[in-house]
Amino acid sequence: MAASGEKPYRVYKGGRTKGKVPLRGGEREKGAKQERTTSGSGGGGNGRQVVRRATSRWTWKRWTWVTLLALFVLLVIWSVAGYLSISSGVSDANKRLPASATAVLKKQNSLLVSSSTNILLLGTDHSTNGQAGRSADEHSDSMMLLHTDPSRHRLVYLSIPRDLRVSIPGYGAQKVNAAMQIGGPKLAIETADQLFGPDLQVNHVVVVDMASFMQLINAVGGIDVNVPEKILSNRFDCPYSGSRCSSWQGWRFAKGMQHMNGHRALIYSRIRENRLNPADTDVSRGQRQQQVMQAALSKLASVGTFFRLPFSGSDLMKPLATDLSAMQFLQLGWVKFRAGSTLHCRLGGKDYGDGFITGDQENIAVIQMVLGNSAAQPPPPGSGLYGAGCVTGNQTFH
């Protein structure tokens, strides 16, 4: 140590240099990174560390949500387009129904999705097959009541035999199908109201042109019908010409589930005689019409039909004349979708050989079954071919 007490030091060649001490490559990069992510003590920062996140790529969750949103928007657009198409067709169908028919309907202020409603379905057979004398015939080829029961999630189809004797207002005792020819839908509604009684009045009506109805079935891609037994019909609407019709035996249907186009379904619903079953009657014909109507309604309310609505919605309404609005049709579709059970009922009576079916007390009991006031019961033993009653689900009348 020097005598003066000063610390020893060394003198390097070149002396001191100003600035930072040069660092090696790896240390230099590390220092630069720290300098970017921290604020310097003399730079006026708050000394808090700033972390910069790298830009993240789209994850599968984000892609999933974007896809679901796009599908939702597409569904909304498609639904609106379908509704507008249906609305246009329904507007034309409303114009085809005479104002006199609308005036006699029992109005209801509640929604179809929340309260019971009664819809009279009338199938007309005028100008259908070109047979002589039938081009102006407007008998109701089929007459059926659809009773919706949302509180029980149930639909009830009530078939009315065309030969049932009723009192037509202002015209006395007639077959029920004559009401349509005499006074059109208005008189048919009034006759039905008188037949059903005050507890089952008609709220809405749908008149179906059966010739055009087969076009509707074709438009929805056909329907599936479970034929309960083999059928060989009587000779009507021969598909051939000339002498071949004289040897033609009639329409044949095998037993079991079958896919039918419009023409085939129309023929099936019109069969009045099964030559393979002597017990087959006009009441059996009503059951076949119920099958066709129910299958058509199911197809109309299906997902496949929904996706075709923007292109065929207005065409589906062409065979119909009705007071139902577009919104009520949508409600009816929802009620049909929610229905967990189906009840098939029929009015009936006795055949005394005079060409009429004369009703009895069993018809009153059937009305109570339709309303849900009593349990469904099949036609009682000994009631004959035209016995009145109800069956549930896939059961059939015997």
Protein backbone atom coordinates (compact mmCIF):
# COMPACT_ATOMS: atom_id res chain seq x y z
CA MET A 1 0.00 0.00 0.00
CA ALA A 2 1.31 3.51 -0.80
CA ALA A 3 2.40 5.71 1.95
CA SER A 4 -0.20 8.33 1.13
CA GLY A 5 -3.04 5.81 1.77
CA GLU A 6 -4.35 5.89 -1.77
CA LYS A 7 -5.71 2.73 -3.26
CA PRO A 8 -3.54 1.07 -5.82
CA TYR A 9 -4.79 1.00 -9.35
CA ARG A 10 -3.74 -0.30 -12.66
CA VAL A 11 -3.33 1.61 -15.83
CA TYR A 12 -4.65 -0.12 -18.88
CA LYS A 13 -3.49 0.56 -22.33
CA GLY A 14 -5.91 2.83 -24.09
CA GLY A 15 -7.46 4.17 -20.85
CA ARG A 16 -11.16 4.16 -20.01
CA THR A 17 -13.77 4.09 -22.69
CA LYS A 18 -17.17 5.70 -22.49
CA GLY A 19 -20.41 3.77 -23.03
CA LYS A 20 -21.59 0.33 -22.11
CA VAL A 21 -19.27 -2.57 -21.84
CA PRO A 22 -19.56 -4.70 -25.01
CA LEU A 23 -21.38 -7.96 -24.40
CA ARG A 24 -21.32 -11.28 -26.06
CA GLY A 25 -24.00 -12.18 -28.66
CA GLY A 26 -26.33 -14.21 -26.37
CA GLU A 27 -26.05 -11.74 -23.53
CA ARG A 28 -26.76 -8.86 -25.93
CA GLU A 29 -30.07 -10.38 -27.11
CA LYS A 30 -31.11 -11.13 -23.57
CA GLY A 31 -30.44 -7.61 -22.50
CA ALA A 32 -32.40 -6.17 -25.45
CA LYS A 33 -35.40 -8.30 -24.55
CA GLN A 34 -35.35 -7.13 -20.95
CA GLU A 35 -35.09 -3.55 -22.10
CA ARG A 36 -38.19 -3.92 -24.30
CA THR A 37 -40.32 -5.46 -21.55
CA THR A 38 -39.38 -3.21 -18.70
CA SER A 39 -39.40 0.51 -18.26
CA GLY A 40 -36.06 2.05 -17.45
CA SER A 41 -35.49 3.62 -14.07
CA GLY A 42 -34.45 6.83 -15.71
CA GLY A 43 -37.06 6.82 -18.49
CA GLY A 44 -39.96 8.19 -16.52
CA GLY A 45 -41.89 4.88 -16.30
CA ASN A 46 -43.66 3.56 -13.25
CA GLY A 47 -41.37 0.60 -12.97
CA ARG A 48 -44.22 -1.89 -13.74
CA GLN A 49 -43.44 -4.81 -15.97
CA VAL A 50 -45.32 -4.74 -19.33
CA VAL A 51 -46.14 -8.14 -20.83
CA ARG A 52 -47.01 -8.21 -24.52
CA ARG A 53 -49.05 -11.24 -25.55
CA ALA A 54 -48.45 -12.91 -28.83
CA THR A 55 -51.37 -12.75 -31.32
CA SER A 56 -53.52 -15.93 -30.76
CA ARG A 57 -54.84 -18.02 -33.61
CA TRP A 58 -58.58 -19.00 -33.99
CA THR A 59 -59.39 -21.97 -31.79
CA TRP A 60 -61.90 -24.70 -32.56
CA LYS A 61 -64.30 -23.19 -29.98
CA ARG A 62 -64.32 -19.87 -31.80
CA TRP A 63 -64.94 -21.61 -35.11
CA THR A 64 -67.80 -23.58 -33.50
CA TRP A 65 -69.55 -20.46 -32.22
CA VAL A 66 -69.16 -18.64 -35.53
CA THR A 67 -70.57 -21.66 -37.39
CA LEU A 68 -73.56 -21.92 -35.02
CA LEU A 69 -74.25 -18.20 -35.41
CA ALA A 70 -74.14 -18.49 -39.20
CA LEU A 71 -76.54 -21.46 -39.12
CA PHE A 72 -78.91 -19.55 -36.83
CA VAL A 73 -78.97 -16.55 -39.17
CA LEU A 74 -79.57 -18.86 -42.13
CA LEU A 75 -82.41 -20.58 -40.26
CA VAL A 76 -84.05 -17.24 -39.50
CA ILE A 77 -83.79 -16.10 -43.11
CA TRP A 78 -85.15 -19.45 -44.36
CA SER A 79 -88.03 -19.34 -41.85
CA VAL A 80 -89.01 -15.82 -42.89
CA ALA A 81 -88.90 -16.78 -46.58
CA GLY A 82 -90.98 -19.89 -45.90
CA TYR A 83 -93.52 -17.93 -43.89
CA LEU A 84 -93.90 -15.34 -46.63
CA SER A 85 -94.41 -18.12 -49.18
CA ILE A 86 -97.01 -19.85 -46.99
CA SER A 87 -98.69 -16.53 -46.24
CA SER A 88 -99.15 -15.82 -49.92
CA GLY A 89 -100.75 -19.23 -50.50
CA VAL A 90 -102.98 -18.92 -47.43
CA SER A 91 -104.20 -15.51 -48.57
CA ASP A 92 -105.37 -17.06 -51.83
CA ALA A 93 -106.98 -19.97 -49.93
CA ASN A 94 -108.90 -17.49 -47.76
CA LYS A 95 -110.30 -15.83 -50.86
CA ARG A 96 -111.54 -19.18 -52.18
CA LEU A 97 -113.76 -19.72 -49.13
CA PRO A 98 -117.17 -18.03 -49.43
CA ALA A 99 -117.74 -15.25 -46.91
CA SER A 100 -121.04 -16.91 -45.95
CA ALA A 101 -119.10 -19.90 -44.58
CA THR A 102 -116.85 -17.73 -42.45
CA ALA A 103 -119.88 -15.98 -40.98
CA VAL A 104 -121.33 -19.16 -39.41
CA LEU A 105 -118.10 -20.34 -37.73
CA LYS A 106 -117.91 -20.14 -33.95
CA LYS A 107 -115.21 -17.57 -33.26
CA GLN A 108 -112.52 -18.11 -30.65
CA ASN A 109 -110.20 -15.43 -29.35
CA SER A 110 -107.58 -17.76 -27.91
CA LEU A 111 -104.53 -19.26 -29.60
CA LEU A 112 -104.60 -22.71 -31.18
CA VAL A 113 -101.48 -23.68 -29.25
CA SER A 114 -103.18 -23.15 -25.90
CA SER A 115 -106.86 -24.03 -26.36
CA SER A 116 -108.94 -26.70 -28.05
CA THR A 117 -110.31 -26.03 -31.49
CA ASN A 118 -112.59 -27.84 -33.93
CA ILE A 119 -111.68 -27.89 -37.62
CA LEU A 120 -114.16 -29.31 -40.12
CA LEU A 121 -112.41 -31.01 -43.05
CA LEU A 122 -114.51 -31.30 -46.20
CA GLY A 123 -113.23 -33.22 -49.21
CA THR A 124 -115.08 -32.45 -52.44
CA ASP A 125 -115.22 -34.90 -55.34
CA HIS A 126 -116.34 -32.51 -58.10
CA SER A 127 -114.57 -32.59 -61.49
CA THR A 128 -112.17 -35.26 -60.35
CA ASN A 129 -112.27 -38.15 -62.72
CA GLY A 130 -114.23 -37.10 -65.77
CA GLN A 131 -117.06 -39.55 -65.16
CA ALA A 132 -120.31 -38.57 -66.82
CA GLY A 133 -122.55 -36.45 -64.67
CA ARG A 134 -119.96 -35.84 -61.95
CA SER A 135 -118.24 -32.71 -63.21
CA ALA A 136 -120.72 -30.51 -61.35
CA ASP A 137 -121.23 -32.88 -58.40
CA GLU A 138 -120.19 -31.12 -55.20
CA HIS A 139 -121.09 -33.70 -52.58
CA SER A 140 -118.59 -33.70 -49.73
CA ASP A 141 -116.75 -36.87 -50.63
CA SER A 142 -115.36 -36.98 -47.10
CA MET A 143 -116.43 -35.22 -43.91
CA MET A 144 -114.23 -35.25 -40.85
CA LEU A 145 -113.71 -33.19 -37.72
CA LEU A 146 -110.24 -32.56 -36.31
CA HIS A 147 -110.42 -31.74 -32.60
CA THR A 148 -107.18 -30.47 -31.08
CA ASP A 149 -106.62 -30.88 -27.35
CA PRO A 150 -103.32 -29.13 -26.40
CA SER A 151 -103.90 -29.56 -22.66
CA ARG A 152 -103.77 -33.34 -23.13
CA HIS A 153 -101.29 -33.21 -26.02
CA ARG A 154 -103.84 -35.10 -28.08
CA LEU A 155 -105.44 -34.98 -31.53
CA VAL A 156 -108.84 -36.48 -32.26
CA TYR A 157 -110.11 -37.37 -35.74
CA LEU A 158 -113.88 -37.85 -35.93
CA SER A 159 -115.10 -39.48 -39.14
CA ILE A 160 -118.66 -38.94 -40.36
CA PRO A 161 -120.14 -41.56 -42.74
CA ARG A 162 -121.43 -39.88 -45.89
CA ASP A 163 -124.67 -41.90 -45.71
CA LEU A 164 -125.46 -40.88 -42.13
CA ARG A 165 -129.02 -39.58 -41.86
CA VAL A 166 -129.09 -36.04 -40.45
CA SER A 167 -131.46 -33.11 -40.35
CA ILE A 168 -130.12 -30.47 -42.72
CA PRO A 169 -131.34 -27.03 -41.59
CA GLY A 170 -134.17 -25.96 -43.86
CA TYR A 171 -134.18 -29.20 -45.89
CA GLY A 172 -135.14 -31.95 -43.45
CA ALA A 173 -133.74 -35.47 -43.30
CA GLN A 174 -130.98 -36.09 -45.82
CA LYS A 175 -127.64 -37.86 -46.10
CA VAL A 176 -124.99 -35.72 -44.45
CA ASN A 177 -122.93 -35.37 -47.64
CA ALA A 178 -125.86 -33.70 -49.40
CA ALA A 179 -125.41 -30.54 -47.30
CA MET A 180 -122.36 -29.52 -49.29
CA GLN A 181 -124.15 -29.87 -52.61
CA ILE A 182 -127.26 -28.04 -51.47
CA GLY A 183 -125.69 -25.08 -49.70
CA GLY A 184 -121.91 -25.32 -49.99
CA PRO A 185 -119.55 -25.02 -46.99
CA LYS A 186 -121.97 -22.77 -45.09
CA LEU A 187 -124.73 -25.38 -44.93
CA ALA A 188 -122.20 -28.17 -44.30
CA ILE A 189 -120.95 -26.26 -41.22
CA GLU A 190 -124.48 -25.61 -39.95
CA THR A 191 -125.35 -29.29 -40.43
CA ALA A 192 -122.23 -30.38 -38.55
CA ASP A 193 -123.00 -28.00 -35.67
CA GLN A 194 -126.49 -29.46 -35.38
CA LEU A 195 -125.10 -33.01 -35.51
CA PHE A 196 -122.33 -32.48 -32.93
CA GLY A 197 -124.28 -30.40 -30.43
CA PRO A 198 -123.40 -27.19 -28.56
CA ASP A 199 -120.18 -28.54 -26.99
CA LEU A 200 -118.45 -29.33 -30.28
CA GLN A 201 -119.17 -26.38 -32.56
CA VAL A 202 -117.02 -25.80 -35.65
CA ASN A 203 -114.37 -23.07 -35.23
CA HIS A 204 -112.59 -23.43 -38.58
CA VAL A 205 -113.15 -25.12 -41.91
CA VAL A 206 -110.86 -26.51 -44.57
CA VAL A 207 -112.34 -27.49 -47.93
CA VAL A 208 -110.06 -29.81 -49.89
CA ASP A 209 -110.35 -30.31 -53.64
CA MET A 210 -109.52 -34.01 -53.76
CA ALA A 211 -108.30 -33.83 -57.37
CA SER A 212 -105.74 -31.18 -56.43
CA PHE A 213 -105.01 -32.87 -53.11
CA MET A 214 -103.00 -35.55 -54.87
CA GLN A 215 -100.80 -32.75 -56.25
CA LEU A 216 -100.20 -31.59 -52.68
CA ILE A 217 -99.15 -35.11 -51.65
CA ASN A 218 -96.80 -35.25 -54.62
CA ALA A 219 -95.39 -31.86 -53.63
CA VAL A 220 -94.39 -33.17 -50.18
CA GLY A 221 -92.82 -36.32 -51.64
CA GLY A 222 -95.69 -38.75 -51.05
CA ILE A 223 -97.01 -40.24 -47.81
CA ASP A 224 -96.61 -43.49 -45.87
CA VAL A 225 -99.81 -45.40 -45.08
CA ASN A 226 -100.18 -48.63 -43.12
CA VAL A 227 -102.81 -50.66 -45.01
CA PRO A 228 -104.50 -52.95 -42.44
CA GLU A 229 -105.56 -55.69 -44.89
CA LYS A 230 -105.37 -56.76 -48.51
CA ILE A 231 -107.73 -54.81 -50.74
CA LEU A 232 -109.28 -55.51 -54.12
CA SER A 233 -111.60 -52.61 -54.87
CA ASN A 234 -114.67 -52.43 -57.03
CA ARG A 235 -114.17 -51.09 -60.53
CA PHE A 236 -113.93 -47.33 -60.53
CA ASP A 237 -111.61 -44.85 -62.21
CA CYS A 238 -110.23 -47.51 -64.56
CA PRO A 239 -106.64 -46.55 -65.46
CA TYR A 240 -106.93 -48.11 -68.91
CA SER A 241 -108.98 -47.36 -71.99
CA GLY A 242 -111.14 -49.37 -74.33
CA SER A 243 -111.83 -53.08 -73.91
CA ARG A 244 -109.08 -53.56 -71.35
CA CYS A 245 -111.26 -52.00 -68.66
CA SER A 246 -113.83 -54.79 -69.08
CA SER A 247 -111.28 -57.36 -67.90
CA TRP A 248 -109.71 -55.16 -65.26
CA GLN A 249 -110.53 -56.40 -61.75
CA GLY A 250 -110.02 -53.26 -59.72
CA TRP A 251 -107.41 -51.56 -57.58
CA ARG A 252 -105.18 -53.76 -55.43
CA PHE A 253 -103.39 -52.87 -52.21
CA ALA A 254 -101.16 -55.21 -50.24
CA LYS A 255 -101.22 -55.36 -46.45
CA GLY A 256 -98.62 -53.35 -44.56
CA MET A 257 -96.81 -50.02 -44.72
CA GLN A 258 -96.75 -48.52 -48.21
CA HIS A 259 -95.41 -45.33 -49.72
CA MET A 260 -98.09 -43.71 -51.89
CA ASN A 261 -97.92 -40.90 -54.41
CA GLY A 262 -100.83 -38.50 -54.77
CA HIS A 263 -102.85 -40.57 -57.22
CA ARG A 264 -102.41 -43.79 -55.28
CA ALA A 265 -103.39 -42.09 -52.01
CA LEU A 266 -106.48 -40.60 -53.64
CA ILE A 267 -107.59 -43.98 -54.95
CA TYR A 268 -107.01 -45.56 -51.53
CA SER A 269 -109.16 -42.93 -49.81
CA ARG A 270 -112.00 -43.42 -52.31
CA ILE A 271 -112.43 -47.19 -52.09
CA ARG A 272 -116.00 -47.92 -51.00
CA GLU A 273 -115.87 -51.70 -51.37
CA ASN A 274 -113.20 -54.28 -50.60
CA ARG A 275 -114.14 -57.41 -52.52
CA LEU A 276 -111.82 -59.45 -50.30
CA ASN A 277 -113.72 -58.44 -47.15
CA PRO A 278 -117.54 -58.44 -47.18
CA ALA A 279 -117.52 -56.53 -43.87
CA ASP A 280 -115.89 -53.52 -45.52
CA THR A 281 -118.32 -50.58 -45.60
CA ASP A 282 -118.51 -46.86 -46.19
CA VAL A 283 -117.38 -46.50 -42.57
CA SER A 284 -114.20 -48.38 -43.51
CA ARG A 285 -113.77 -45.87 -46.28
CA GLY A 286 -113.89 -43.11 -43.69
CA GLN A 287 -111.07 -44.82 -41.79
CA ARG A 288 -108.95 -44.88 -44.94
CA GLN A 289 -109.61 -41.18 -45.46
CA GLN A 290 -108.49 -40.55 -41.88
CA GLN A 291 -105.25 -42.38 -42.61
CA VAL A 292 -104.56 -40.30 -45.71
CA MET A 293 -105.44 -37.01 -44.01
CA GLN A 294 -103.33 -37.79 -40.96
CA ALA A 295 -100.36 -38.92 -43.05
CA ALA A 296 -100.60 -35.75 -45.16
CA LEU A 297 -100.72 -33.52 -42.06
CA SER A 298 -97.70 -35.31 -40.61
CA LYS A 299 -95.77 -34.80 -43.83
CA LEU A 300 -96.75 -31.13 -43.99
CA ALA A 301 -95.39 -30.65 -40.46
CA SER A 302 -92.15 -32.53 -41.16
CA VAL A 303 -88.63 -31.06 -41.25
CA GLY A 304 -88.22 -31.97 -44.92
CA THR A 305 -91.28 -29.95 -45.89
CA PHE A 306 -90.00 -26.99 -43.83
CA PHE A 307 -86.82 -26.83 -45.89
CA ARG A 308 -88.90 -26.77 -49.10
CA LEU A 309 -91.27 -24.03 -47.94
CA PRO A 310 -89.54 -21.06 -49.62
CA PHE A 311 -89.94 -22.85 -52.95
CA SER A 312 -93.30 -24.66 -52.56
CA GLY A 313 -95.15 -22.98 -49.68
CA SER A 314 -97.75 -21.26 -51.86
CA ASP A 315 -98.26 -24.38 -54.00
CA LEU A 316 -99.14 -26.46 -50.93
CA MET A 317 -102.18 -24.26 -50.32
CA LYS A 318 -103.63 -24.53 -53.84
CA PRO A 319 -106.00 -27.46 -53.09
CA LEU A 320 -107.45 -25.68 -50.04
CA ALA A 321 -110.12 -23.13 -49.25
CA THR A 322 -110.07 -22.12 -45.60
CA ASP A 323 -110.52 -19.39 -43.02
CA LEU A 324 -107.31 -20.33 -41.19
CA SER A 325 -104.56 -17.70 -41.28
CA ALA A 326 -100.89 -18.39 -41.96
CA MET A 327 -100.07 -17.96 -38.26
CA GLN A 328 -102.85 -20.38 -37.30
CA PHE A 329 -101.45 -22.94 -39.74
CA LEU A 330 -98.09 -22.63 -38.00
CA GLN A 331 -99.77 -23.05 -34.62
CA LEU A 332 -101.60 -26.11 -35.90
CA GLY A 333 -98.29 -27.57 -37.06
CA TRP A 334 -96.83 -27.02 -33.59
CA VAL A 335 -99.87 -28.67 -31.93
CA LYS A 336 -99.48 -31.62 -34.30
CA PHE A 337 -95.77 -31.82 -33.46
CA ARG A 338 -96.43 -31.75 -29.70
CA ALA A 339 -99.28 -34.26 -29.77
CA GLY A 340 -98.28 -37.41 -27.93
CA SER A 341 -101.40 -39.42 -28.73
CA THR A 342 -104.04 -39.69 -31.43
CA LEU A 343 -107.63 -40.80 -31.05
CA HIS A 344 -109.61 -42.11 -34.03
CA CYS A 345 -113.37 -41.91 -33.67
CA ARG A 346 -116.34 -42.47 -35.92
CA LEU A 347 -120.04 -41.83 -35.81
CA GLY A 348 -122.29 -44.65 -36.94
CA GLY A 349 -125.65 -46.31 -36.49
CA LYS A 350 -127.83 -48.97 -38.05
CA ASP A 351 -128.53 -49.83 -41.67
CA TYR A 352 -132.23 -50.60 -42.13
CA GLY A 353 -131.95 -51.21 -45.86
CA ASP A 354 -133.18 -47.77 -46.92
CA GLY A 355 -129.81 -46.48 -48.06
CA PHE A 356 -129.24 -44.51 -44.86
CA ILE A 357 -127.20 -45.05 -41.72
CA THR A 358 -129.47 -44.10 -38.86
CA GLY A 359 -127.64 -42.86 -35.79
CA ASP A 360 -128.35 -43.95 -32.22
CA GLN A 361 -127.31 -43.14 -28.65
CA GLU A 362 -123.79 -44.40 -29.30
CA ASN A 363 -123.10 -41.26 -31.32
CA ILE A 364 -123.79 -39.13 -28.25
CA ALA A 365 -121.29 -41.24 -26.29
CA VAL A 366 -118.70 -40.78 -29.03
CA ILE A 367 -119.03 -36.99 -28.82
CA GLN A 368 -118.20 -37.19 -25.11
CA MET A 369 -115.14 -39.32 -25.91
CA VAL A 370 -113.96 -36.72 -28.41
CA LEU A 371 -114.33 -33.99 -25.78
CA GLY A 372 -112.37 -36.07 -23.28
CA ASN A 373 -115.32 -36.35 -20.88
CA SER A 374 -115.22 -40.15 -21.01
CA ALA A 375 -112.70 -42.85 -21.83
CA ALA A 376 -112.32 -43.99 -25.43
CA GLN A 377 -114.27 -47.15 -26.19
CA PRO A 378 -114.47 -49.17 -29.43
CA PRO A 379 -117.85 -49.94 -31.01
CA PRO A 380 -119.79 -52.16 -28.60
CA PRO A 381 -120.27 -55.86 -29.46
CA GLY A 382 -123.26 -56.46 -31.66
CA SER A 383 -123.33 -52.91 -33.03
CA GLY A 384 -122.87 -54.21 -36.57
CA LEU A 385 -120.82 -52.91 -39.46
CA TYR A 386 -121.56 -49.27 -38.69
CA GLY A 387 -120.95 -49.24 -34.96
CA ALA A 388 -119.80 -45.94 -33.44
CA GLY A 389 -116.78 -45.70 -31.17
CA CYS A 390 -113.16 -44.64 -30.70
CA VAL A 391 -109.80 -46.40 -30.79
CA THR A 392 -106.41 -45.08 -29.75
CA GLY A 393 -102.98 -45.11 -31.35
CA ASN A 394 -102.45 -47.69 -34.08
CA GLN A 395 -105.53 -49.71 -33.19
CA THR A 396 -108.11 -50.33 -35.90
CA PHE A 397 -111.87 -50.78 -35.89
CA HIS A 398 -113.16 -54.33 -36.26
